[in-house]
């Protein structure tokens, strides 16, 4: 159902939102990123369908002695928090060097999560990402494969600290340019993004809100009694790390007579802070409360005469608003968004600097002229979550409308039923230009037509009708393209599309390794290239194409949608058992070899994988591969097995026979042996470095085809495959 059809009774529209972030609470870490959850709860209350993917680093043990890593392991795989379905997939993160590799690892995790949701029927209208690096960077990479718009929210150190590293700065700015919109939780962060080089017209300031029903004024004296204090109280709330500045407040305490300090939080600096309190002689006046549940924080704020926040960096400090909503004014260091929160006398005071002396001065002055608690509460009431949710919804709606709606709901489709009858085999040929993979993609040439004749002769000898997936330069070549067109008209061969970024007009930029995968081309540019290729195909062949194989097997659902819109309903791209993610390509490790059936707005589309298996290293045995998610089991299987394609390139006829027998034994209805036409040109590929290499490939193919026919496999052309798929759908 399209967005415009999901109309609510109040006239607004329900959006499907997939939130991707590592900054989210869980049963194991209930306070982590709770402000993200609070915003989503507020937007969900407006009627939107929101799912959350909050990955955690993989770790083998949940034992408490492992600290934060143990909590990663203790995080549930799935949970439901306040009506929001939350999944916590694992991703690899190497300690110490994790910051450098995190975006790549997360991008793979997010890509799988998006695909899993689409396959389950939840197709997002929008990706909602929180924290720019690595989360939003990874989310934008993953979303591009599905042509999904992204709104990224900047929250603090992702903008005011991480971009001080040049590599991360480049990735942040690149992502800011690609996402549909950015949200900053403070004007200070927005200004910093603009100063870094981001486009200010795409950046919106939407501050965090506060739960006005949870954080309320209460009995101050009763709250003090709960903590065993009766004198003046100041509070400091936050993770016990240097950046939060708890040590500065402890240093200030000797100058604040008859004042107790409540510290709520836990973290690596706890022991050092306790030692500091002993050293400066205030240990009896400093109360370490440990981790305080979110719902119990109001009592901390109510007990305090003043909340003090001494951070070195903040986005939009939520603790200030929470305290104010309880009627407690605040003192904060003059950093980033703190000055935007404390913007009136009723809110409190900003210290003149981030020093203990400046904090003492601000606390003393605020104590002398402390605002009425009711006035402080009234000030906080302008920051409820309802107006925040409304503003977020507006940005989301505009972002969702920024992308043309494709039939992304089809995903990869469902496994097709198997029609009765013998297994059929169609020889598929990547009919492409000669080029050097190691020196870029700009220097290429059309292969000699003799290669076509030699391959065609072997195929026809065994009763096979090849399907030539042909690139733009070869279609445009009168000799090669003309020969293929004649064979197609005579019924001797079939022709399909093969799109190479580097040689299909319009050619905008130099092709890099990542953009050599067809699925990594910008969708708008891809549509132009596809139109150019189809026009050339139709002019050469005399009829429009119906079959396709993606350049470098780089297929994705959004590419399939563009093909379906142009009538190309048979795709032969996924290379079963292969994982191209190290080169930023697609992952077909778990794809399988069975055809898949996609229901699109333009009719049924079929995805027929390149036949292949994974085999044990050094053994001609092929393990069954159930869906293995990323993680230790997948890594172990990847090390223990190799992907093997049904091709004469690099394999013997006996090896091909073993693979084919295995696939036929598993009931595969269609075999798609494949090779590159350039392997029939001496020296054009590593598979055929000379004439002897070409002869070896042709001889292997000949022997395998002869065996296949004798073993009952039926040679087929594209028309036969189409007929077989139609019968399986009947």
Foldseek 3Di string as FASTA:
>chain_A
DDQVVQADPVGDTAFEEEEWEQQAAFPLRRVGNVLVVVLVLLLVVVPYHYEYEHEAADDDALDCVVPPNNSNPVGDQWDADNNYTYGYHHWHADPPCRQVCVLLRSLVVLLVVQLVCLVVQRHGLEYEYEQQPPTLLSNLLSVLLLLHAYEYEHWKCSQVPVVVDPVSLVSSQVSLVRHQAYEFQAVLSLVSNVVSPHDSVRYHYQHGFDALVLQAADDQCVLLVVVPADFAEEEQEDAPDVQFPPLQQLVLVVVPPRYAYEYEYYYDCVVVSCVSNVVVVNNVRYHDPYHDDPSRCNSVLSNHQEYETLGPMGRADPVLLSSLLNLHAYEYEPYHRPCVQPPDVSRAYYFPHSHSVSVNVRVVVCVVVPDGSVSSNVSSVVRHSNVSSVVVVVSSVVRSVVTDDFPSSQWQFAFFFAFDDFAAEAEEAAQEWFDDPVPADQDTGHDDLVLVVLLLVLQVVLPFAHEYAHEDVQCVDCVRVVVVLVCVVVVRHHYAHEYAQNPQPPNDDGDDLQVRQVSPPRPVRSLVSVVRRQVSNCVSNVHGHQEHEYRVLQHTSVNQRSCLVVNNQEYARAAALDQPSVSPGHGRNAVDQGKGWTQGPNGIHIYGYQQKFKDFPPDLDGDDDHDDDDDDVVVVSPVGIDIDGLALQPDALVSNVSSVVVCVVVVHRYHHYYDYSLQLPACSDPQHVGNVSNVSRSVRVSVNSVVCVVVRHHHDHPVVVVVSSVSSVD
